[in-house]
Amino acid sequence: MTTTPEARDLEPDPVDDAGRTKRVLLAKPRGYCAGVDRAVITVEKALETYGPPVYVRKEIVHNRHVVDTLTERGVIFVEETDEVPEGALVVFSAHGVSPAVHQEAEERKLRTIDATCPLVTKVHKEVNRFARDDYDILLIGHEGHEEVEGTAGEAPDRVQLVDKPEDIDKVQVRDPSKVVWLSQTTLSVDETMERVDQLTEKYPTLQAPPSDDICYATSNRQQAVKVMAPQCDLVIVVGSQNSSNSKRLVEVALQAGASDSHLIDYASQIDDAWLDGVTTVGVTSGASVPDVLVLQVLDHLAERGWGDVEEVTTANEKVTFALPRELRKDLDENKDNPRSVR
C-alpha cells in the first residue's frame, strides 16, 4: 500500500552510517502537464465513446506505461497514417503532425481526432505566420523528434533545424534581417538559450518568438529540479527514454549540483548500488508520467530506509485544456442519444 509523505513523516527517521538522516526530496510540480492529461483523456474518451479499436499515430505521449495500458484497452498504435484502415478512427498524438499527415488522412477518408497539445499548436501557428512574412525560421530542437517533424512540416521550405552547435555553421539564410528562432516545447531552457546566443553571434538581428515556446510545464519541472538538486546525492527521474523533457530533467539535475541522476520507467529499475553512500534522494517525473509511478518509487525507497519525504514546491499549476472539438461534439451528441456515435 502506498503511504502519503505526511504519513511517512510520523515514522522514525532512518540514518546512514555517519548518523545523517536519510530523506527524499519530492519535486513539485512533476508528472502530467495539461497537454498530456488532455491527450490521454482524449484517447480514453474515444475508447468509451466509439469502442475499440482506436488507432493512434505514434505514441500518444512518450511514456511506456501509458502506451502499454492503452494498448491493453484496445488502442492500436501505428507509425504512419497509411497503416490505419480506410475509414477508421485515428487520433493524432500530443506532439502534433504536419499538414501532409492531415492531407493523407483526408485522402484515406479517416475520421481524425487531433490531440496535439495547444502549446505545440501555438508554435505551428508561429511557423505559418513567419513563413507568410517570408522569414527564414531557425527551429531549435532535436532531430527526429515527432514534435520537430510536425512543426517543420508546416513550412519545410522556410524551416532549418538547429540541434547541435555544429548545425549553426550549416545555416544559410536569404536575408539576415528577416530571421527568427523558434523552439521545440520540451527542451532544456538553458541549452536552448545557449543555442540562441550562438545563433545571435552569427545573426545579430535574429528575432525571438512572440512568447516563450518552451512550455510552462517543462520550465516548471526544470526549475523544481534546479532548486532541490544541490541538496541531493542522487536524483531519480521517472520517465521514458524517448521522452525529451524527462531526459532534460536528468541533465538539469546534474548541471544544478546533484552527484548522480538516473532516468527510469519503473521503481524496479532502481539499482541498489545507486543508493550506496546516499543520504538525500531527489525524485521527480517528466510531463508524460502518471503519478502512480512516482508513488511506487517512493514505496521502493521507503522499504530501503528512505521514508522521510519532503515536498519541494516551486510552482502551483492550474492550467487545463478543453478536449479536441471533434470529440467534444460527439460527446455532447452522445449525452442525448447514447447510440448515436457508436
C-alpha atoms as a PDB file:
ATOM      1  CA  MET A   1       0.000   0.000   0.000  1.00  0.00           C
ATOM      2  CA  THR A   2       1.223   3.458  -0.877  1.00  0.00           C
ATOM      3  CA  THR A   3       1.531   5.823   2.048  1.00  0.00           C
ATOM      4  CA  THR A   4       1.457   9.585   1.877  1.00  0.00           C
ATOM      5  CA  PRO A   5       4.507  11.772   2.563  1.00  0.00           C
ATOM      6  CA  GLU A   6       2.666  13.084   5.652  1.00  0.00           C
ATOM      7  CA  ALA A   7       2.232   9.565   6.991  1.00  0.00           C
ATOM      8  CA  ARG A   8       5.876   8.730   6.460  1.00  0.00           C
ATOM      9  CA  ASP A   9       6.909  11.815   8.394  1.00  0.00           C
ATOM     10  CA  LEU A  10       5.468  10.216  11.551  1.00  0.00           C
ATOM     11  CA  GLU A  11       7.797   7.230  11.292  1.00  0.00           C
ATOM     12  CA  PRO A  12      11.257   7.196  12.947  1.00  0.00           C
ATOM     13  CA  ASP A  13      13.862   8.731  10.659  1.00  0.00           C
ATOM     14  CA  PRO A  14      16.475   6.190   9.473  1.00  0.00           C
ATOM     15  CA  VAL A  15      20.060   7.388   9.479  1.00  0.00           C
ATOM     16  CA  ASP A  16      23.087   6.467   7.419  1.00  0.00           C
ATOM     17  CA  ASP A  17      26.387   5.174   8.765  1.00  0.00           C
ATOM     18  CA  ALA A  18      27.529   8.742   9.508  1.00  0.00           C
ATOM     19  CA  GLY A  19      24.408   9.474  11.531  1.00  0.00           C
ATOM     20  CA  ARG A  20      22.769  11.660   8.891  1.00  0.00           C
ATOM     21  CA  THR A  21      19.007  11.394   8.323  1.00  0.00           C
ATOM     22  CA  LYS A  22      18.011   9.640   5.137  1.00  0.00           C
ATOM     23  CA  ARG A  23      15.407  11.638   3.266  1.00  0.00           C
ATOM     24  CA  VAL A  24      13.646  12.098  -0.055  1.00  0.00           C
ATOM     25  CA  LEU A  25      13.057  15.475  -1.678  1.00  0.00           C
ATOM     26  CA  LEU A  26       9.985  15.221  -3.909  1.00  0.00           C
ATOM     27  CA  ALA A  27       9.714  17.841  -6.650  1.00  0.00           C
ATOM     28  CA  LYS A  28       6.501  19.735  -7.222  1.00  0.00           C
ATOM     29  CA  PRO A  29       5.407  20.279  -9.924  1.00  0.00           C
ATOM     30  CA  ARG A  30       6.133  16.945 -11.535  1.00  0.00           C
ATOM     31  CA  GLY A  31       4.326  14.485 -13.793  1.00  0.00           C
ATOM     32  CA  TYR A  32       1.385  15.123 -16.066  1.00  0.00           C
ATOM     33  CA  CYS A  33       1.068  18.524 -17.686  1.00  0.00           C
ATOM     34  CA  ALA A  34      -2.199  19.865 -19.089  1.00  0.00           C
ATOM     35  CA  GLY A  35      -1.354  18.851 -22.672  1.00  0.00           C
ATOM     36  CA  VAL A  36      -0.535  15.265 -21.718  1.00  0.00           C
ATOM     37  CA  ASP A  37      -3.594  14.988 -19.496  1.00  0.00           C
ATOM     38  CA  ARG A  38      -5.757  16.222 -22.381  1.00  0.00           C
ATOM     39  CA  ALA A  39      -4.209  13.768 -24.850  1.00  0.00           C
ATOM     40  CA  VAL A  40      -4.564  10.710 -22.600  1.00  0.00           C
ATOM     41  CA  ILE A  41      -8.144  11.590 -21.661  1.00  0.00           C
ATOM     42  CA  THR A  42      -8.895  12.091 -25.361  1.00  0.00           C
ATOM     43  CA  VAL A  43      -7.892   8.513 -26.147  1.00  0.00           C
ATOM     44  CA  GLU A  44      -9.738   7.144 -23.099  1.00  0.00           C
ATOM     45  CA  LYS A  45     -12.921   9.034 -24.065  1.00  0.00           C
ATOM     46  CA  ALA A  46     -12.563   7.854 -27.675  1.00  0.00           C
ATOM     47  CA  LEU A  47     -12.455   4.253 -26.454  1.00  0.00           C
ATOM     48  CA  GLU A  48     -15.535   4.798 -24.295  1.00  0.00           C
ATOM     49  CA  THR A  49     -17.437   6.662 -26.999  1.00  0.00           C
ATOM     50  CA  TYR A  50     -16.614   4.740 -30.165  1.00  0.00           C
ATOM     51  CA  GLY A  51     -15.360   1.436 -28.765  1.00  0.00           C
ATOM     52  CA  PRO A  52     -12.111  -0.314 -29.733  1.00  0.00           C
ATOM     53  CA  PRO A  53     -10.102  -0.379 -31.793  1.00  0.00           C
ATOM     54  CA  VAL A  54      -8.958   3.238 -31.700  1.00  0.00           C
ATOM     55  CA  TYR A  55      -5.866   3.926 -33.778  1.00  0.00           C
ATOM     56  CA  VAL A  56      -3.228   6.404 -32.593  1.00  0.00           C
ATOM     57  CA  ARG A  57      -0.470   7.696 -34.868  1.00  0.00           C
ATOM     58  CA  LYS A  58       2.833   7.416 -32.961  1.00  0.00           C
ATOM     59  CA  GLU A  59       2.749   7.206 -29.160  1.00  0.00           C
ATOM     60  CA  ILE A  60       0.002   9.440 -27.756  1.00  0.00           C
ATOM     61  CA  VAL A  61       2.593  10.658 -25.218  1.00  0.00           C
ATOM     62  CA  HIS A  62       6.132   9.444 -24.628  1.00  0.00           C
ATOM     63  CA  ASN A  63       5.562   7.098 -21.710  1.00  0.00           C
ATOM     64  CA  ARG A  64       5.878   3.337 -21.787  1.00  0.00           C
ATOM     65  CA  HIS A  65       3.324   2.716 -19.006  1.00  0.00           C
ATOM     66  CA  VAL A  66       0.669   4.909 -20.640  1.00  0.00           C
ATOM     67  CA  VAL A  67       1.156   3.277 -24.047  1.00  0.00           C
ATOM     68  CA  ASP A  68       1.072  -0.273 -22.630  1.00  0.00           C
ATOM     69  CA  THR A  69      -2.038   0.453 -20.558  1.00  0.00           C
ATOM     70  CA  LEU A  70      -3.928   1.923 -23.513  1.00  0.00           C
ATOM     71  CA  THR A  71      -2.823  -0.974 -25.739  1.00  0.00           C
ATOM     72  CA  GLU A  72      -4.387  -3.400 -23.269  1.00  0.00           C
ATOM     73  CA  ARG A  73      -7.641  -1.447 -23.548  1.00  0.00           C
ATOM     74  CA  GLY A  74      -7.844  -1.701 -27.328  1.00  0.00           C
ATOM     75  CA  VAL A  75      -5.704   1.104 -28.709  1.00  0.00           C
ATOM     76  CA  ILE A  76      -3.604   0.266 -31.765  1.00  0.00           C
ATOM     77  CA  PHE A  77      -0.511   2.427 -32.119  1.00  0.00           C
ATOM     78  CA  VAL A  78       0.848   2.876 -35.645  1.00  0.00           C
ATOM     79  CA  GLU A  79       3.863   4.669 -37.016  1.00  0.00           C
ATOM     80  CA  GLU A  80       2.223   6.147 -40.110  1.00  0.00           C
ATOM     81  CA  THR A  81      -1.270   7.031 -41.238  1.00  0.00           C
ATOM     82  CA  ASP A  82      -1.234   4.524 -44.119  1.00  0.00           C
ATOM     83  CA  GLU A  83      -1.268   1.719 -41.526  1.00  0.00           C
ATOM     84  CA  VAL A  84      -4.786   2.746 -40.452  1.00  0.00           C
ATOM     85  CA  PRO A  85      -7.625   1.009 -42.366  1.00  0.00           C
ATOM     86  CA  GLU A  86      -9.545   3.338 -44.652  1.00  0.00           C
ATOM     87  CA  GLY A  87     -12.491   4.967 -42.906  1.00  0.00           C
ATOM     88  CA  ALA A  88     -11.231   4.110 -39.404  1.00  0.00           C
ATOM     89  CA  LEU A  89     -10.723   6.494 -36.468  1.00  0.00           C
ATOM     90  CA  VAL A  90      -7.213   7.802 -35.787  1.00  0.00           C
ATOM     91  CA  VAL A  91      -6.005  10.096 -33.006  1.00  0.00           C
ATOM     92  CA  PHE A  92      -3.031  12.340 -33.647  1.00  0.00           C
ATOM     93  CA  SER A  93      -0.616  12.441 -30.710  1.00  0.00           C
ATOM     94  CA  ALA A  94       0.134  15.330 -28.370  1.00  0.00           C
ATOM     95  CA  HIS A  95       3.331  16.076 -30.322  1.00  0.00           C
ATOM     96  CA  GLY A  96       1.473  17.304 -33.389  1.00  0.00           C
ATOM     97  CA  VAL A  97       1.579  16.399 -37.088  1.00  0.00           C
ATOM     98  CA  SER A  98       2.369  18.202 -40.319  1.00  0.00           C
ATOM     99  CA  PRO A  99      -0.213  19.346 -42.888  1.00  0.00           C
ATOM    100  CA  ALA A 100       0.950  16.460 -45.094  1.00  0.00           C
ATOM    101  CA  VAL A 101      -0.262  13.970 -42.466  1.00  0.00           C
ATOM    102  CA  HIS A 102      -3.639  15.703 -42.256  1.00  0.00           C
ATOM    103  CA  GLN A 103      -3.856  15.557 -46.053  1.00  0.00           C
ATOM    104  CA  GLU A 104      -3.032  11.856 -46.147  1.00  0.00           C
ATOM    105  CA  ALA A 105      -5.694  11.137 -43.521  1.00  0.00           C
ATOM    106  CA  GLU A 106      -8.247  13.048 -45.577  1.00  0.00           C
ATOM    107  CA  GLU A 107      -7.328  11.126 -48.727  1.00  0.00           C
ATOM    108  CA  ARG A 108      -7.810   7.846 -46.857  1.00  0.00           C
ATOM    109  CA  LYS A 109     -11.193   9.069 -45.546  1.00  0.00           C
ATOM    110  CA  LEU A 110     -10.068   8.589 -41.952  1.00  0.00           C
ATOM    111  CA  ARG A 111     -12.006  10.036 -39.055  1.00  0.00           C
ATOM    112  CA  THR A 112      -9.488  12.088 -37.108  1.00  0.00           C
ATOM    113  CA  ILE A 113      -9.209  13.491 -33.612  1.00  0.00           C
ATOM    114  CA  ASP A 114      -6.317  15.904 -33.184  1.00  0.00           C
ATOM    115  CA  ALA A 115      -4.879  15.654 -29.655  1.00  0.00           C
ATOM    116  CA  THR A 116      -1.965  17.994 -30.405  1.00  0.00           C
ATOM    117  CA  CYS A 117      -1.033  19.969 -27.292  1.00  0.00           C
ATOM    118  CA  PRO A 118      -2.329  23.547 -27.695  1.00  0.00           C
ATOM    119  CA  LEU A 119       1.148  24.838 -26.841  1.00  0.00           C
ATOM    120  CA  VAL A 120       2.572  22.884 -29.771  1.00  0.00           C
ATOM    121  CA  THR A 121      -0.224  24.205 -31.983  1.00  0.00           C
ATOM    122  CA  LYS A 122       0.875  27.706 -30.933  1.00  0.00           C
ATOM    123  CA  VAL A 123       4.364  27.053 -32.363  1.00  0.00           C
ATOM    124  CA  HIS A 124       2.819  25.686 -35.587  1.00  0.00           C
ATOM    125  CA  LYS A 125       0.895  28.943 -35.962  1.00  0.00           C
ATOM    126  CA  GLU A 126       4.089  30.922 -35.382  1.00  0.00           C
ATOM    127  CA  VAL A 127       5.777  28.991 -38.196  1.00  0.00           C
ATOM    128  CA  ASN A 128       2.882  29.778 -40.520  1.00  0.00           C
ATOM    129  CA  ARG A 129       2.893  33.449 -39.571  1.00  0.00           C
ATOM    130  CA  PHE A 130       6.625  33.942 -40.121  1.00  0.00           C
ATOM    131  CA  ALA A 131       6.587  31.883 -43.333  1.00  0.00           C
ATOM    132  CA  ARG A 132       3.825  34.115 -44.697  1.00  0.00           C
ATOM    133  CA  ASP A 133       6.008  37.122 -43.876  1.00  0.00           C
ATOM    134  CA  ASP A 134       8.857  35.457 -45.829  1.00  0.00           C
ATOM    135  CA  TYR A 135      11.167  34.863 -42.857  1.00  0.00           C
ATOM    136  CA  ASP A 136      13.777  32.157 -42.564  1.00  0.00           C
ATOM    137  CA  ILE A 137      12.887  30.149 -39.452  1.00  0.00           C
ATOM    138  CA  LEU A 138      15.574  28.528 -37.309  1.00  0.00           C
ATOM    139  CA  LEU A 139      13.888  25.780 -35.277  1.00  0.00           C
ATOM    140  CA  ILE A 140      15.857  24.740 -32.188  1.00  0.00           C
ATOM    141  CA  GLY A 141      15.022  21.133 -31.410  1.00  0.00           C
ATOM    142  CA  HIS A 142      16.069  17.501 -31.540  1.00  0.00           C
ATOM    143  CA  GLU A 143      16.357  15.885 -34.942  1.00  0.00           C
ATOM    144  CA  GLY A 144      13.862  13.066 -35.441  1.00  0.00           C
ATOM    145  CA  HIS A 145      11.562  14.096 -32.591  1.00  0.00           C
ATOM    146  CA  GLU A 146       7.883  13.896 -33.634  1.00  0.00           C
ATOM    147  CA  GLU A 147       7.163  17.422 -32.477  1.00  0.00           C
ATOM    148  CA  VAL A 148      10.001  18.822 -34.570  1.00  0.00           C
ATOM    149  CA  GLU A 149       8.858  16.888 -37.653  1.00  0.00           C
ATOM    150  CA  GLY A 150       5.318  18.196 -37.290  1.00  0.00           C
ATOM    151  CA  THR A 151       6.405  21.788 -36.684  1.00  0.00           C
ATOM    152  CA  ALA A 152       8.931  21.864 -39.537  1.00  0.00           C
ATOM    153  CA  GLY A 153       6.318  20.295 -41.812  1.00  0.00           C
ATOM    154  CA  GLU A 154       4.222  23.457 -41.603  1.00  0.00           C
ATOM    155  CA  ALA A 155       6.731  25.262 -43.856  1.00  0.00           C
ATOM    156  CA  PRO A 156       9.531  22.877 -44.858  1.00  0.00           C
ATOM    157  CA  ASP A 157      10.992  25.337 -47.366  1.00  0.00           C
ATOM    158  CA  ARG A 158      11.419  28.009 -44.674  1.00  0.00           C
ATOM    159  CA  VAL A 159      12.442  25.972 -41.598  1.00  0.00           C
ATOM    160  CA  GLN A 160      16.012  24.918 -40.774  1.00  0.00           C
ATOM    161  CA  LEU A 161      16.641  22.678 -37.767  1.00  0.00           C
ATOM    162  CA  VAL A 162      19.306  23.620 -35.241  1.00  0.00           C
ATOM    163  CA  ASP A 163      20.018  20.728 -32.883  1.00  0.00           C
ATOM    164  CA  LYS A 164      23.735  20.757 -32.053  1.00  0.00           C
ATOM    165  CA  PRO A 165      26.269  23.629 -32.073  1.00  0.00           C
ATOM    166  CA  GLU A 166      27.775  22.366 -35.323  1.00  0.00           C
ATOM    167  CA  ASP A 167      24.381  22.823 -37.043  1.00  0.00           C
ATOM    168  CA  ILE A 168      24.790  26.598 -36.749  1.00  0.00           C
ATOM    169  CA  ASP A 169      27.611  26.601 -39.304  1.00  0.00           C
ATOM    170  CA  LYS A 170      25.286  24.884 -41.804  1.00  0.00           C
ATOM    171  CA  VAL A 171      22.544  27.508 -41.530  1.00  0.00           C
ATOM    172  CA  GLN A 172      22.139  29.710 -44.590  1.00  0.00           C
ATOM    173  CA  VAL A 173      19.540  32.487 -44.776  1.00  0.00           C
ATOM    174  CA  ARG A 174      18.388  34.722 -47.616  1.00  0.00           C
ATOM    175  CA  ASP A 175      18.096  37.947 -45.644  1.00  0.00           C
ATOM    176  CA  PRO A 176      19.827  38.290 -42.229  1.00  0.00           C
ATOM    177  CA  SER A 177      17.315  40.973 -41.270  1.00  0.00           C
ATOM    178  CA  LYS A 178      14.421  38.513 -41.623  1.00  0.00           C
ATOM    179  CA  VAL A 179      15.406  35.580 -39.415  1.00  0.00           C
ATOM    180  CA  VAL A 180      13.535  34.273 -36.369  1.00  0.00           C
ATOM    181  CA  TRP A 181      14.204  31.430 -33.951  1.00  0.00           C
ATOM    182  CA  LEU A 182      11.505  29.121 -32.586  1.00  0.00           C
ATOM    183  CA  SER A 183      11.903  26.022 -30.439  1.00  0.00           C
ATOM    184  CA  GLN A 184      10.597  22.601 -29.567  1.00  0.00           C
ATOM    185  CA  THR A 185       8.427  22.944 -26.452  1.00  0.00           C
ATOM    186  CA  THR A 186      10.195  20.313 -24.324  1.00  0.00           C
ATOM    187  CA  LEU A 187      13.817  21.467 -24.418  1.00  0.00           C
ATOM    188  CA  SER A 188      16.161  22.459 -21.625  1.00  0.00           C
ATOM    189  CA  VAL A 189      15.685  26.175 -21.084  1.00  0.00           C
ATOM    190  CA  ASP A 190      19.408  26.729 -20.502  1.00  0.00           C
ATOM    191  CA  GLU A 191      20.514  24.711 -23.530  1.00  0.00           C
ATOM    192  CA  THR A 192      18.012  26.497 -25.758  1.00  0.00           C
ATOM    193  CA  MET A 193      19.257  29.913 -24.697  1.00  0.00           C
ATOM    194  CA  GLU A 194      22.823  28.733 -25.319  1.00  0.00           C
ATOM    195  CA  ARG A 195      21.827  27.939 -28.929  1.00  0.00           C
ATOM    196  CA  VAL A 196      20.089  31.310 -29.203  1.00  0.00           C
ATOM    197  CA  ASP A 197      23.249  33.093 -28.061  1.00  0.00           C
ATOM    198  CA  GLN A 198      25.293  31.163 -30.618  1.00  0.00           C
ATOM    199  CA  LEU A 199      22.824  31.978 -33.389  1.00  0.00           C
ATOM    200  CA  THR A 200      22.759  35.651 -32.394  1.00  0.00           C
ATOM    201  CA  GLU A 201      26.528  35.825 -32.818  1.00  0.00           C
ATOM    202  CA  LYS A 202      26.006  34.775 -36.424  1.00  0.00           C
ATOM    203  CA  TYR A 203      22.840  36.814 -36.979  1.00  0.00           C
ATOM    204  CA  PRO A 204      22.802  39.862 -34.653  1.00  0.00           C
ATOM    205  CA  THR A 205      19.278  40.877 -35.784  1.00  0.00           C
ATOM    206  CA  LEU A 206      17.831  37.418 -35.051  1.00  0.00           C
ATOM    207  CA  GLN A 207      14.263  37.790 -33.796  1.00  0.00           C
ATOM    208  CA  ALA A 208      12.740  35.881 -30.885  1.00  0.00           C
ATOM    209  CA  PRO A 209       9.307  34.216 -30.844  1.00  0.00           C
ATOM    210  CA  PRO A 210       6.410  36.447 -29.747  1.00  0.00           C
ATOM    211  CA  SER A 211       6.231  34.455 -26.498  1.00  0.00           C
ATOM    212  CA  ASP A 212       8.145  31.565 -24.948  1.00  0.00           C
ATOM    213  CA  ASP A 213       7.926  28.374 -26.992  1.00  0.00           C
ATOM    214  CA  ILE A 214       9.228  26.128 -24.209  1.00  0.00           C
ATOM    215  CA  CYS A 215       6.068  25.148 -22.379  1.00  0.00           C
ATOM    216  CA  TYR A 216       5.285  26.229 -18.838  1.00  0.00           C
ATOM    217  CA  ALA A 217       5.347  22.619 -17.596  1.00  0.00           C
ATOM    218  CA  THR A 218       8.806  21.908 -18.987  1.00  0.00           C
ATOM    219  CA  SER A 219      10.170  25.115 -17.438  1.00  0.00           C
ATOM    220  CA  ASN A 220       8.458  24.487 -14.090  1.00  0.00           C
ATOM    221  CA  ARG A 221       9.742  20.922 -13.778  1.00  0.00           C
ATOM    222  CA  GLN A 222      13.265  22.013 -14.600  1.00  0.00           C
ATOM    223  CA  GLN A 223      13.095  24.833 -12.050  1.00  0.00           C
ATOM    224  CA  ALA A 224      11.950  22.462  -9.294  1.00  0.00           C
ATOM    225  CA  VAL A 225      14.896  20.168 -10.054  1.00  0.00           C
ATOM    226  CA  LYS A 226      17.308  23.113 -10.036  1.00  0.00           C
ATOM    227  CA  VAL A 227      16.154  24.045  -6.535  1.00  0.00           C
ATOM    228  CA  MET A 228      16.450  20.595  -4.991  1.00  0.00           C
ATOM    229  CA  ALA A 229      19.410  19.138  -6.921  1.00  0.00           C
ATOM    230  CA  PRO A 230      22.186  20.913  -4.934  1.00  0.00           C
ATOM    231  CA  GLN A 231      20.956  19.095  -1.818  1.00  0.00           C
ATOM    232  CA  CYS A 232      20.779  15.666  -3.479  1.00  0.00           C
ATOM    233  CA  ASP A 233      23.290  12.839  -3.658  1.00  0.00           C
ATOM    234  CA  LEU A 234      21.018  11.168  -6.201  1.00  0.00           C
ATOM    235  CA  VAL A 235      18.104  12.390  -8.339  1.00  0.00           C
ATOM    236  CA  ILE A 236      15.739   9.792  -9.766  1.00  0.00           C
ATOM    237  CA  VAL A 237      13.709  10.970 -12.734  1.00  0.00           C
ATOM    238  CA  VAL A 238      10.695   8.843 -13.642  1.00  0.00           C
ATOM    239  CA  GLY A 239      10.141   8.915 -17.392  1.00  0.00           C
ATOM    240  CA  SER A 240      10.790   7.043 -20.616  1.00  0.00           C
ATOM    241  CA  GLN A 241      13.948   7.142 -22.704  1.00  0.00           C
ATOM    242  CA  ASN A 242      12.102   8.667 -25.677  1.00  0.00           C
ATOM    243  CA  SER A 243      10.700  11.485 -23.543  1.00  0.00           C
ATOM    244  CA  SER A 244      12.656  14.620 -24.365  1.00  0.00           C
ATOM    245  CA  ASN A 245      11.548  16.592 -21.316  1.00  0.00           C
ATOM    246  CA  SER A 246      12.314  13.658 -18.974  1.00  0.00           C
ATOM    247  CA  LYS A 247      15.843  13.269 -20.341  1.00  0.00           C
ATOM    248  CA  ARG A 248      16.371  17.008 -19.901  1.00  0.00           C
ATOM    249  CA  LEU A 249      15.499  16.683 -16.194  1.00  0.00           C
ATOM    250  CA  VAL A 250      18.419  14.274 -15.706  1.00  0.00           C
ATOM    251  CA  GLU A 251      20.751  16.751 -17.409  1.00  0.00           C
ATOM    252  CA  VAL A 252      19.394  19.672 -15.381  1.00  0.00           C
ATOM    253  CA  ALA A 253      19.829  17.742 -12.120  1.00  0.00           C
ATOM    254  CA  LEU A 254      23.494  17.038 -12.835  1.00  0.00           C
ATOM    255  CA  GLN A 255      24.195  20.585 -14.018  1.00  0.00           C
ATOM    256  CA  ALA A 256      22.496  22.005 -10.911  1.00  0.00           C
ATOM    257  CA  GLY A 257      24.685  20.058  -8.498  1.00  0.00           C
ATOM    258  CA  ALA A 258      23.258  16.569  -7.958  1.00  0.00           C
ATOM    259  CA  SER A 259      26.015  13.994  -7.503  1.00  0.00           C
ATOM    260  CA  ASP A 260      24.203  11.414  -9.622  1.00  0.00           C
ATOM    261  CA  SER A 261      20.970  11.131 -11.615  1.00  0.00           C
ATOM    262  CA  HIS A 262      19.148   8.370 -13.479  1.00  0.00           C
ATOM    263  CA  LEU A 263      16.082   8.049 -15.715  1.00  0.00           C
ATOM    264  CA  ILE A 264      13.772   5.095 -15.047  1.00  0.00           C
ATOM    265  CA  ASP A 265      10.352   3.925 -16.199  1.00  0.00           C
ATOM    266  CA  TYR A 266       9.581   1.842 -13.107  1.00  0.00           C
ATOM    267  CA  ALA A 267      10.731   1.531  -9.498  1.00  0.00           C
ATOM    268  CA  SER A 268      12.007  -1.969 -10.244  1.00  0.00           C
ATOM    269  CA  GLN A 269      14.721  -0.434 -12.425  1.00  0.00           C
ATOM    270  CA  ILE A 270      16.377   1.303  -9.469  1.00  0.00           C
ATOM    271  CA  ASP A 271      19.801  -0.237  -8.903  1.00  0.00           C
ATOM    272  CA  ASP A 272      20.516  -0.562  -5.175  1.00  0.00           C
ATOM    273  CA  ALA A 273      24.139   0.314  -5.958  1.00  0.00           C
ATOM    274  CA  TRP A 274      22.941   3.841  -6.775  1.00  0.00           C
ATOM    275  CA  LEU A 275      21.923   4.207  -3.120  1.00  0.00           C
ATOM    276  CA  ASP A 276      25.327   3.339  -1.648  1.00  0.00           C
ATOM    277  CA  GLY A 277      26.517   6.244   0.499  1.00  0.00           C
ATOM    278  CA  VAL A 278      23.449   8.300  -0.381  1.00  0.00           C
ATOM    279  CA  THR A 279      21.666  10.406   2.238  1.00  0.00           C
ATOM    280  CA  THR A 280      19.310  12.609   0.190  1.00  0.00           C
ATOM    281  CA  VAL A 281      17.423  11.297  -2.833  1.00  0.00           C
ATOM    282  CA  GLY A 282      15.561  13.676  -5.123  1.00  0.00           C
ATOM    283  CA  VAL A 283      12.555  12.345  -7.021  1.00  0.00           C
ATOM    284  CA  THR A 284      10.736  13.920  -9.934  1.00  0.00           C
ATOM    285  CA  SER A 285       8.985  12.851 -13.125  1.00  0.00           C
ATOM    286  CA  GLY A 286       8.555  14.022 -16.684  1.00  0.00           C
ATOM    287  CA  ALA A 287       5.448  15.721 -18.021  1.00  0.00           C
ATOM    288  CA  SER A 288       4.049  12.492 -19.513  1.00  0.00           C
ATOM    289  CA  VAL A 289       4.326  10.382 -16.343  1.00  0.00           C
ATOM    290  CA  PRO A 290       1.290   9.373 -14.221  1.00  0.00           C
ATOM    291  CA  ASP A 291       1.901   9.947 -10.515  1.00  0.00           C
ATOM    292  CA  VAL A 292       1.217   6.301  -9.640  1.00  0.00           C
ATOM    293  CA  LEU A 293       4.704   5.506 -10.973  1.00  0.00           C
ATOM    294  CA  VAL A 294       6.257   8.129  -8.660  1.00  0.00           C
ATOM    295  CA  LEU A 295       4.377   6.730  -5.667  1.00  0.00           C
ATOM    296  CA  GLN A 296       5.798   3.289  -6.466  1.00  0.00           C
ATOM    297  CA  VAL A 297       9.291   4.801  -6.422  1.00  0.00           C
ATOM    298  CA  LEU A 298       8.595   6.371  -3.014  1.00  0.00           C
ATOM    299  CA  ASP A 299       7.440   2.985  -1.688  1.00  0.00           C
ATOM    300  CA  HIS A 300      10.562   1.340  -3.093  1.00  0.00           C
ATOM    301  CA  LEU A 301      12.788   3.899  -1.369  1.00  0.00           C
ATOM    302  CA  ALA A 302      10.826   3.709   1.893  1.00  0.00           C
ATOM    303  CA  GLU A 303      11.402  -0.051   2.026  1.00  0.00           C
ATOM    304  CA  ARG A 304      15.146   0.677   1.896  1.00  0.00           C
ATOM    305  CA  GLY A 305      15.170   3.307   4.612  1.00  0.00           C
ATOM    306  CA  TRP A 306      14.305   6.499   2.748  1.00  0.00           C
ATOM    307  CA  GLY A 307      10.898   7.066   4.325  1.00  0.00           C
ATOM    308  CA  ASP A 308      11.168  10.745   5.230  1.00  0.00           C
ATOM    309  CA  VAL A 309       9.628  12.623   2.275  1.00  0.00           C
ATOM    310  CA  GLU A 310       9.702  16.398   1.943  1.00  0.00           C
ATOM    311  CA  GLU A 311       7.939  18.056  -0.991  1.00  0.00           C
ATOM    312  CA  VAL A 312       9.856  20.875  -2.673  1.00  0.00           C
ATOM    313  CA  THR A 313       7.289  23.209  -4.243  1.00  0.00           C
ATOM    314  CA  THR A 314       8.375  25.874  -6.719  1.00  0.00           C
ATOM    315  CA  ALA A 315       5.083  26.450  -8.596  1.00  0.00           C
ATOM    316  CA  ASN A 316       1.403  25.544  -8.453  1.00  0.00           C
ATOM    317  CA  GLU A 317      -0.010  24.654 -11.854  1.00  0.00           C
ATOM    318  CA  LYS A 318      -3.675  25.290 -12.616  1.00  0.00           C
ATOM    319  CA  VAL A 319      -3.636  25.113 -16.421  1.00  0.00           C
ATOM    320  CA  THR A 320      -6.277  22.960 -18.134  1.00  0.00           C
ATOM    321  CA  PHE A 321      -7.140  22.469 -21.800  1.00  0.00           C
ATOM    322  CA  ALA A 322     -10.502  21.582 -23.344  1.00  0.00           C
ATOM    323  CA  LEU A 323     -10.766  18.270 -25.197  1.00  0.00           C
ATOM    324  CA  PRO A 324     -10.454  18.368 -29.011  1.00  0.00           C
ATOM    325  CA  ARG A 325     -13.556  19.830 -30.628  1.00  0.00           C
ATOM    326  CA  GLU A 326     -14.137  16.714 -32.789  1.00  0.00           C
ATOM    327  CA  LEU A 327     -14.502  14.636 -29.640  1.00  0.00           C
ATOM    328  CA  ARG A 328     -16.479  17.244 -27.686  1.00  0.00           C
ATOM    329  CA  LYS A 329     -19.093  17.354 -30.444  1.00  0.00           C
ATOM    330  CA  ASP A 330     -19.681  13.604 -30.322  1.00  0.00           C
ATOM    331  CA  LEU A 331     -19.629  13.535 -26.530  1.00  0.00           C
ATOM    332  CA  ASP A 332     -22.371  16.163 -26.484  1.00  0.00           C
ATOM    333  CA  GLU A 333     -24.431  14.219 -29.026  1.00  0.00           C
ATOM    334  CA  ASN A 334     -23.889  11.026 -27.090  1.00  0.00           C
ATOM    335  CA  LYS A 335     -25.469  12.545 -23.985  1.00  0.00           C
ATOM    336  CA  ASP A 336     -28.758  12.885 -25.868  1.00  0.00           C
ATOM    337  CA  ASN A 337     -28.529   9.614 -27.800  1.00  0.00           C
ATOM    338  CA  PRO A 338     -26.039   7.081 -26.354  1.00  0.00           C
ATOM    339  CA  ARG A 339     -26.053   5.018 -29.590  1.00  0.00           C
ATOM    340  CA  SER A 340     -25.632   7.894 -31.995  1.00  0.00           C
ATOM    341  CA  VAL A 341     -21.846   7.701 -32.333  1.00  0.00           C
ATOM    342  CA  ARG A 342     -21.208   4.008 -31.991  1.00  0.00           C
END
